[in-house]
Amino acid sequence: MSVETCGKLLSRLAKVRPCLLPVKIHCSYARRSFTSDLKGRQQIRPLDGVKVLDLTRVLAGPFATMILGDLGAEVIKVERPGPGDDTRAWGPPFVGKESAYFLSVNRNKKSIAVNLKDPSGAKLVTELARCCDILVENYLPGKLEEMGLGYKHLSEVAPQLIYCSITGYGQTGPQSHKPGYDSIASAVSGMMHITGPEDGAPVRPGVAMTDLATGLYAQGAVMAGLLQRQKTRRGLHIDCNLLSSQVACLTHIAANYLNAGKEARRWGTAHESIVPYQGFKTKDGYLIVASGNDQQFFKVCKVLGMNDLAENPKYKTNTLRVQHRKELLHLLSERFLEESTAEWLRRFEGTGVPCGPINTIQQVFSDPQTFPPTVYKQRDVSGPRGPSNAPK
């Protein structure tokens, strides 16, 4: 594709609206190395000069492409004409006309509305793919192939393209035809089975951890793809899915079963193999105490004024404490109820025992360690949607 053709194509994006941050789009026919032609510029980011075509929606895909944007890539988000990404309407709360949910995973992007079922829309996306480095999509397997936008087709016209597919269950297998939803994948993967109170029902994690983990895997795979392309001079197809990502995150839980046949169970905030290592209710809130070795346990007893527990033969080692978990935790829980969270934090300060409050979200963003005042910047999120090529 000539420079002139590319320029005409991207001129159609003149009305593209930044979701949060203003970013200029450039497209060069010559493939760029990562930063070699950017020398002399200040504050060069890792992915400056890299272009991403984002055909994803909802969470896993947008989270992955947002990270790429945070690292400096130019991200062009393609949405359906009219409502756009489903999450634009997921509210309240709203910031202007956009949902807070949508904005949370779509910063550092520009958005255009394209009807991919229209041949002219598919042609536009094909032309964009020719001058982009990365394409990320989360359609059902086979859907983009029907539109002429699958990896096989685009790799012929854009051999440099790193094409990342995010699905529920992968490209093959008996479940591959099904759409991917975080809560379903969390359940099927066993994540919900190990999450929740010890004697209660399975619980969905408070945020969509399966989607987020998949987005992180996808982003990491794309970064590795960029490095591989430096060696091979060709793009590649990345297959990333919710189920595999969440199963991979089971780590030692999976290893316990695969190596020892040990079925997992729910432990609430507690740890299966370490005691005390969990949350405790205080006079006004909750506190997590993570006593990872015998010395730390002895220090916990000293802070609580319960040195007799440290001297009790039943609690001398972690193995013994695990065996006598129930009675020990009952004694500790009764003591933690006698003081406020702040008071316990004060007493544990400097002891070397890991501990921390279970914060509300308001408390999280009031903590100067988590959210320094200099980080906050208000962004203008008003403005029209990008151009659309809806069917005439």
Protein backbone atom coordinates (compact mmCIF):
# COMPACT_ATOMS: atom_id res chain seq x y z
CA MET A 1 0.00 0.00 0.00
CA SER A 2 1.40 3.39 -0.96
CA VAL A 3 1.95 6.23 1.47
CA GLU A 4 -0.71 8.23 -0.42
CA THR A 5 -3.29 5.45 -0.08
CA CYS A 6 -2.52 5.07 3.58
CA GLY A 7 -2.86 8.81 4.08
CA LYS A 8 -6.26 8.87 2.40
CA LEU A 9 -7.41 5.95 4.50
CA LEU A 10 -6.44 7.47 7.81
CA SER A 11 -7.83 10.85 6.82
CA ARG A 12 -11.21 9.19 7.30
CA LEU A 13 -10.33 9.05 10.99
CA ALA A 14 -10.15 12.84 11.28
CA LYS A 15 -13.27 12.92 13.43
CA VAL A 16 -12.17 10.07 15.62
CA ARG A 17 -12.82 10.85 19.28
CA PRO A 18 -10.27 9.97 21.94
CA CYS A 19 -11.93 7.96 24.71
CA LEU A 20 -9.81 9.60 27.39
CA LEU A 21 -6.44 10.77 26.13
CA PRO A 22 -5.69 12.63 22.89
CA VAL A 23 -3.43 10.60 20.62
CA LYS A 24 -2.43 11.39 17.04
CA ILE A 25 -2.51 8.69 14.42
CA HIS A 26 0.27 8.30 11.88
CA CYS A 27 0.81 5.48 9.45
CA SER A 28 4.01 4.81 7.54
CA TYR A 29 4.33 2.27 4.77
CA ALA A 30 7.78 1.29 5.98
CA ARG A 31 7.75 -0.97 9.03
CA ARG A 32 9.26 0.70 12.06
CA SER A 33 11.62 -0.84 14.52
CA PHE A 34 10.46 -0.11 18.04
CA THR A 35 12.34 3.10 18.88
CA SER A 36 15.31 3.40 16.51
CA ASP A 37 13.67 6.24 14.54
CA LEU A 38 12.53 7.98 17.72
CA LYS A 39 15.97 8.86 19.07
CA GLY A 40 16.24 12.38 20.36
CA ARG A 41 12.67 12.47 21.60
CA GLN A 42 12.07 12.79 25.30
CA GLN A 43 10.05 10.29 27.32
CA ILE A 44 10.03 7.53 24.72
CA ARG A 45 7.59 4.82 25.72
CA PRO A 46 8.21 1.12 24.95
CA LEU A 47 5.55 0.88 22.24
CA ASP A 48 5.90 4.30 20.62
CA GLY A 49 5.45 3.81 16.89
CA VAL A 50 3.46 0.56 17.28
CA LYS A 51 -0.11 0.57 15.96
CA VAL A 52 -2.94 -1.59 17.29
CA LEU A 53 -6.25 -2.36 15.59
CA ASP A 54 -8.69 -3.17 18.39
CA LEU A 55 -11.72 -5.25 17.35
CA THR A 56 -12.59 -6.22 20.92
CA ARG A 57 -15.40 -5.33 23.26
CA VAL A 58 -16.47 -5.69 26.91
CA LEU A 59 -13.44 -6.50 29.13
CA ALA A 60 -10.69 -9.06 28.37
CA GLY A 61 -9.77 -7.64 24.96
CA PRO A 62 -10.18 -3.94 25.81
CA PHE A 63 -8.09 -4.48 28.97
CA ALA A 64 -5.27 -6.00 26.88
CA THR A 65 -5.31 -3.23 24.28
CA MET A 66 -5.54 -0.54 26.95
CA ILE A 67 -2.29 -1.80 28.46
CA LEU A 68 -0.68 -1.65 25.02
CA GLY A 69 -1.91 1.94 24.78
CA ASP A 70 -0.52 2.73 28.22
CA LEU A 71 2.85 1.51 26.95
CA GLY A 72 2.74 3.95 24.04
CA ALA A 73 0.97 2.13 21.22
CA GLU A 74 -1.57 3.94 19.03
CA VAL A 75 -4.83 2.04 19.49
CA ILE A 76 -7.74 2.34 17.04
CA LYS A 77 -10.86 0.79 18.55
CA VAL A 78 -13.44 -0.42 16.01
CA GLU A 79 -17.02 -0.49 17.31
CA ARG A 80 -20.37 -1.34 15.78
CA PRO A 81 -22.43 1.60 14.50
CA GLY A 82 -25.00 2.92 16.93
CA PRO A 83 -24.54 1.56 20.45
CA GLY A 84 -20.86 0.70 20.04
CA ASP A 85 -19.19 -1.40 22.71
CA ASP A 86 -21.84 -2.96 24.97
CA THR A 87 -20.15 -1.55 28.07
CA ARG A 88 -20.83 2.05 27.01
CA ALA A 89 -24.33 1.49 28.44
CA TRP A 90 -23.26 -0.46 31.54
CA GLY A 91 -24.25 2.04 34.20
CA PRO A 92 -24.83 3.99 36.25
CA PRO A 93 -22.47 5.49 37.11
CA PHE A 94 -21.81 7.52 33.97
CA VAL A 95 -19.16 10.14 33.24
CA GLY A 96 -20.88 12.47 30.81
CA LYS A 97 -22.56 10.10 28.35
CA GLU A 98 -20.09 7.24 28.86
CA SER A 99 -20.28 4.58 31.52
CA ALA A 100 -17.49 4.48 34.09
CA TYR A 101 -17.12 0.79 33.22
CA PHE A 102 -16.37 1.55 29.57
CA LEU A 103 -13.91 4.30 30.42
CA SER A 104 -12.08 2.06 32.90
CA VAL A 105 -10.69 -0.17 30.13
CA ASN A 106 -10.64 2.12 27.09
CA ARG A 107 -8.24 4.94 27.84
CA ASN A 108 -5.46 5.76 25.36
CA LYS A 109 -7.65 4.78 22.40
CA LYS A 110 -9.45 6.31 19.46
CA SER A 111 -12.79 4.95 18.37
CA ILE A 112 -14.45 4.53 14.99
CA ALA A 113 -17.79 2.93 14.16
CA VAL A 114 -17.61 0.38 11.33
CA ASN A 115 -20.16 -2.14 10.11
CA LEU A 116 -17.99 -5.20 9.53
CA LYS A 117 -20.83 -7.03 7.77
CA ASP A 118 -20.81 -4.38 5.04
CA PRO A 119 -18.15 -5.10 2.38
CA SER A 120 -16.96 -1.50 2.53
CA GLY A 121 -16.52 -1.82 6.29
CA ALA A 122 -14.54 -5.04 5.95
CA LYS A 123 -12.41 -3.36 3.28
CA LEU A 124 -11.69 -0.43 5.59
CA VAL A 125 -10.56 -2.77 8.38
CA THR A 126 -8.37 -4.68 5.90
CA GLU A 127 -6.68 -1.45 4.84
CA LEU A 128 -6.14 -0.50 8.47
CA ALA A 129 -4.63 -3.92 9.16
CA ARG A 130 -2.08 -3.32 6.40
CA CYS A 131 -0.56 -0.40 8.25
CA CYS A 132 -0.92 -1.75 11.79
CA ASP A 133 1.42 -3.96 13.77
CA ILE A 134 -1.17 -5.71 15.95
CA LEU A 135 -4.79 -6.76 15.63
CA VAL A 136 -6.72 -7.98 18.68
CA GLU A 137 -10.21 -9.48 18.31
CA ASN A 138 -12.66 -11.40 20.50
CA TYR A 139 -15.24 -12.73 18.06
CA LEU A 140 -16.52 -16.31 18.10
CA PRO A 141 -14.16 -18.57 16.13
CA GLY A 142 -15.02 -18.41 12.44
CA LYS A 143 -17.04 -15.18 12.53
CA LEU A 144 -14.32 -12.90 11.19
CA GLU A 145 -13.35 -15.52 8.59
CA GLU A 146 -16.89 -15.20 7.22
CA MET A 147 -16.26 -11.48 6.73
CA GLY A 148 -12.84 -11.96 5.13
CA LEU A 149 -11.11 -10.67 8.26
CA GLY A 150 -9.71 -13.89 9.70
CA TYR A 151 -6.02 -14.47 10.24
CA LYS A 152 -5.57 -16.51 7.07
CA HIS A 153 -6.88 -13.69 4.88
CA LEU A 154 -5.28 -10.76 6.67
CA SER A 155 -1.89 -12.47 6.94
CA GLU A 156 -1.80 -12.59 3.15
CA VAL A 157 -2.35 -8.85 2.76
CA ALA A 158 -0.58 -7.84 5.99
CA PRO A 159 2.18 -10.41 6.65
CA GLN A 160 3.62 -8.22 9.41
CA LEU A 161 0.43 -8.44 11.48
CA ILE A 162 0.44 -9.96 14.96
CA TYR A 163 -3.13 -11.27 15.14
CA CYS A 164 -4.41 -12.08 18.64
CA SER A 165 -7.71 -13.92 19.05
CA ILE A 166 -9.39 -13.89 22.46
CA THR A 167 -12.22 -16.41 22.87
CA GLY A 168 -14.05 -18.29 25.58
CA TYR A 169 -12.70 -21.77 24.91
CA GLY A 170 -10.12 -21.51 22.13
CA GLN A 171 -10.22 -22.20 18.40
CA THR A 172 -10.81 -25.95 18.68
CA GLY A 173 -12.53 -28.43 21.00
CA PRO A 174 -16.14 -29.32 21.86
CA GLN A 175 -16.85 -25.96 23.56
CA SER A 176 -15.08 -23.69 21.07
CA HIS A 177 -18.34 -22.59 19.43
CA LYS A 178 -19.65 -21.08 22.66
CA PRO A 179 -19.27 -17.40 23.61
CA GLY A 180 -17.02 -16.56 26.53
CA TYR A 181 -18.31 -15.00 29.73
CA ASP A 182 -16.18 -14.33 32.78
CA SER A 183 -18.59 -15.84 35.30
CA ILE A 184 -19.08 -19.01 33.24
CA ALA A 185 -15.36 -19.50 32.65
CA SER A 186 -14.71 -18.80 36.33
CA ALA A 187 -17.16 -21.56 37.23
CA VAL A 188 -16.03 -24.10 34.63
CA SER A 189 -12.34 -23.54 35.42
CA GLY A 190 -12.77 -24.35 39.12
CA MET A 191 -12.06 -20.80 40.26
CA MET A 192 -15.47 -20.42 41.90
CA HIS A 193 -15.12 -23.82 43.54
CA ILE A 194 -12.17 -22.54 45.59
CA THR A 195 -13.59 -19.06 46.24
CA GLY A 196 -15.97 -18.25 49.10
CA PRO A 197 -16.48 -18.93 52.80
CA GLU A 198 -15.24 -22.23 54.19
CA ASP A 199 -18.71 -23.60 54.91
CA GLY A 200 -20.60 -21.59 52.31
CA ALA A 201 -21.50 -21.64 48.64
CA PRO A 202 -19.12 -20.88 45.76
CA VAL A 203 -18.62 -17.16 45.21
CA ARG A 204 -17.82 -15.11 42.13
CA PRO A 205 -14.73 -12.92 42.70
CA GLY A 206 -15.51 -9.24 43.22
CA VAL A 207 -14.05 -8.27 39.85
CA ALA A 208 -13.94 -10.28 36.63
CA MET A 209 -10.60 -11.92 37.37
CA THR A 210 -10.91 -14.45 34.54
CA ASP A 211 -11.36 -11.69 31.97
CA LEU A 212 -8.54 -9.64 33.48
CA ALA A 213 -6.15 -12.60 33.64
CA THR A 214 -6.90 -13.40 30.01
CA GLY A 215 -6.24 -9.79 29.05
CA LEU A 216 -2.89 -9.91 30.81
CA TYR A 217 -1.94 -13.18 29.08
CA ALA A 218 -2.98 -11.68 25.73
CA GLN A 219 -0.97 -8.51 26.29
CA GLY A 220 2.10 -10.52 27.29
CA ALA A 221 1.75 -12.79 24.26
CA VAL A 222 1.47 -9.78 21.96
CA MET A 223 4.65 -8.29 23.44
CA ALA A 224 6.42 -11.60 22.86
CA GLY A 225 5.02 -11.61 19.32
CA LEU A 226 6.63 -8.25 18.65
CA LEU A 227 9.99 -9.66 19.71
CA GLN A 228 9.51 -12.76 17.57
CA ARG A 229 8.65 -10.60 14.57
CA GLN A 230 11.95 -8.80 14.98
CA LYS A 231 13.62 -12.17 14.34
CA THR A 232 11.32 -13.67 11.70
CA ARG A 233 10.11 -10.49 9.93
CA ARG A 234 6.63 -12.00 9.93
CA GLY A 235 3.55 -11.78 12.09
CA LEU A 236 1.79 -14.66 13.80
CA HIS A 237 -1.56 -15.82 15.19
CA ILE A 238 -2.03 -15.86 18.99
CA ASP A 239 -4.83 -18.01 20.45
CA CYS A 240 -5.81 -16.83 23.95
CA ASN A 241 -8.95 -17.93 25.77
CA LEU A 242 -10.72 -17.46 29.09
CA LEU A 243 -10.81 -21.10 30.16
CA SER A 244 -7.14 -21.86 29.56
CA SER A 245 -6.06 -18.59 31.18
CA GLN A 246 -8.02 -19.23 34.35
CA VAL A 247 -6.95 -22.88 34.60
CA ALA A 248 -3.32 -21.73 34.26
CA CYS A 249 -3.91 -19.34 37.17
CA LEU A 250 -4.90 -22.22 39.45
CA THR A 251 -1.12 -22.78 39.91
CA HIS A 252 -0.52 -24.76 43.12
CA ILE A 253 -4.19 -25.77 43.38
CA ALA A 254 -3.86 -27.50 40.02
CA ALA A 255 -0.47 -28.92 40.98
CA ASN A 256 -1.89 -30.39 44.19
CA TYR A 257 -4.49 -32.30 42.21
CA LEU A 258 -2.33 -33.32 39.25
CA ASN A 259 0.55 -34.53 41.41
CA ALA A 260 -1.20 -35.77 44.55
CA GLY A 261 -4.84 -36.22 43.56
CA LYS A 262 -5.86 -33.68 46.21
CA GLU A 263 -9.21 -31.99 45.63
CA ALA A 264 -9.38 -28.31 46.59
CA ARG A 265 -11.92 -26.65 48.87
CA ARG A 266 -12.93 -23.15 49.92
CA TRP A 267 -11.09 -21.43 52.76
CA GLY A 268 -12.56 -17.91 52.84
CA THR A 269 -9.68 -15.54 53.60
CA ALA A 270 -7.63 -18.34 55.19
CA HIS A 271 -4.72 -20.34 53.79
CA GLU A 272 -4.95 -24.10 53.56
CA SER A 273 -1.37 -24.75 54.67
CA ILE A 274 -0.49 -21.83 56.97
CA VAL A 275 -2.03 -20.78 60.32
CA PRO A 276 -2.69 -18.00 61.21
CA TYR A 277 -2.85 -16.54 57.70
CA GLN A 278 -6.28 -14.92 57.21
CA GLY A 279 -8.67 -12.12 58.02
CA PHE A 280 -9.88 -11.36 61.53
CA LYS A 281 -12.83 -9.21 62.57
CA THR A 282 -11.85 -6.28 64.79
CA LYS A 283 -13.96 -3.92 66.88
CA ASP A 284 -14.69 -1.74 63.82
CA GLY A 285 -13.57 -3.62 60.73
CA TYR A 286 -11.31 -6.38 59.48
CA LEU A 287 -7.58 -7.08 59.54
CA ILE A 288 -5.47 -9.55 57.59
CA VAL A 289 -2.57 -11.15 59.45
CA ALA A 290 -0.14 -13.32 57.47
CA SER A 291 2.09 -15.26 59.84
CA GLY A 292 4.28 -17.21 57.43
CA ASN A 293 6.69 -18.84 59.86
CA ASP A 294 7.10 -19.80 63.51
CA GLN A 295 8.97 -16.63 64.50
CA GLN A 296 6.21 -14.46 63.09
CA PHE A 297 3.62 -16.48 64.99
CA PHE A 298 5.50 -15.90 68.25
CA LYS A 299 5.50 -12.17 67.46
CA VAL A 300 1.74 -12.25 66.82
CA CYS A 301 1.26 -13.80 70.26
CA LYS A 302 3.41 -11.10 71.83
CA VAL A 303 1.44 -8.28 70.18
CA LEU A 304 -1.83 -9.86 71.28
CA GLY A 305 -0.55 -10.36 74.81
CA MET A 306 -1.04 -14.11 74.48
CA ASN A 307 2.45 -15.46 75.07
CA ASP A 308 0.95 -18.60 76.56
CA LEU A 309 -0.10 -19.61 73.04
CA ALA A 310 3.49 -19.33 71.82
CA GLU A 311 4.59 -21.65 74.62
CA ASN A 312 1.82 -24.18 74.07
CA PRO A 313 3.25 -27.40 72.56
CA LYS A 314 0.21 -27.68 70.25
CA TYR A 315 1.20 -24.47 68.45
CA LYS A 316 5.00 -24.71 68.36
CA THR A 317 5.21 -25.36 64.60
CA ASN A 318 3.10 -24.47 61.61
CA THR A 319 2.28 -28.12 61.01
CA LEU A 320 0.89 -28.37 64.54
CA ARG A 321 -1.01 -25.10 64.15
CA VAL A 322 -2.65 -26.41 60.97
CA GLN A 323 -3.66 -29.56 62.86
CA HIS A 324 -5.20 -27.49 65.67
CA ARG A 325 -6.48 -24.74 63.38
CA LYS A 326 -10.03 -24.47 64.73
CA GLU A 327 -9.27 -23.99 68.41
CA LEU A 328 -6.32 -21.65 67.77
CA LEU A 329 -8.29 -19.42 65.42
CA HIS A 330 -11.13 -19.22 67.92
CA LEU A 331 -8.76 -17.89 70.58
CA LEU A 332 -7.15 -15.38 68.21
CA SER A 333 -10.49 -14.20 66.83
CA GLU A 334 -11.82 -13.43 70.31
CA ARG A 335 -8.75 -11.30 71.05
CA PHE A 336 -8.84 -9.33 67.77
CA LEU A 337 -12.44 -8.28 68.52
CA GLU A 338 -11.26 -6.30 71.56
CA GLU A 339 -9.48 -3.49 69.67
CA SER A 340 -10.01 -1.38 66.54
CA THR A 341 -8.27 -2.06 63.26
CA ALA A 342 -6.19 1.10 63.60
CA GLU A 343 -5.06 0.10 67.07
CA TRP A 344 -3.96 -3.34 65.91
CA LEU A 345 -2.08 -1.82 63.00
CA ARG A 346 -0.30 0.51 65.42
CA ARG A 347 0.70 -2.41 67.64
CA PHE A 348 1.94 -4.53 64.75
CA GLU A 349 3.97 -1.68 63.24
CA GLY A 350 7.68 -2.53 63.27
CA THR A 351 7.21 -6.12 64.45
CA GLY A 352 7.93 -7.70 61.08
CA VAL A 353 4.55 -9.43 60.98
CA PRO A 354 2.78 -8.86 57.62
CA CYS A 355 -0.63 -7.34 58.21
CA GLY A 356 -3.04 -4.86 56.69
CA PRO A 357 -6.62 -3.59 56.87
CA ILE A 358 -9.37 -4.88 54.59
CA ASN A 359 -10.14 -1.51 53.04
CA THR A 360 -13.32 -0.24 51.47
CA ILE A 361 -12.85 1.25 47.99
CA GLN A 362 -13.13 4.73 49.51
CA GLN A 363 -10.31 3.88 51.88
CA VAL A 364 -8.22 2.51 49.01
CA PHE A 365 -8.36 5.81 47.15
CA SER A 366 -7.79 7.83 50.30
CA ASP A 367 -4.49 6.05 50.93
CA PRO A 368 -1.53 8.18 49.74
CA GLN A 369 0.47 5.02 49.09
CA THR A 370 -2.15 3.68 46.69
CA PHE A 371 -3.28 6.90 45.05
CA PRO A 372 -0.98 9.91 45.45
CA PRO A 373 -2.77 13.24 44.84
CA THR A 374 -0.45 14.01 41.91
CA VAL A 375 -1.83 11.01 39.99
CA TYR A 376 -5.36 12.38 39.60
CA LYS A 377 -6.09 14.27 36.39
CA GLN A 378 -9.54 15.06 35.09
CA ARG A 379 -10.15 14.14 31.47
CA ASP A 380 -12.64 15.50 28.96
CA VAL A 381 -14.72 12.57 27.75
CA SER A 382 -17.27 14.56 25.80
CA GLY A 383 -17.50 14.63 22.04
CA PRO A 384 -19.15 12.81 19.15
CA ARG A 385 -18.68 9.18 18.15
CA GLY A 386 -16.35 8.51 15.24
CA PRO A 387 -17.52 8.13 11.65
CA SER A 388 -19.75 5.23 10.72
CA ASN A 389 -20.16 3.28 7.53
CA ALA A 390 -23.56 1.86 8.44
CA PRO A 391 -25.43 0.24 5.55
CA LYS A 392 -27.09 2.73 3.28
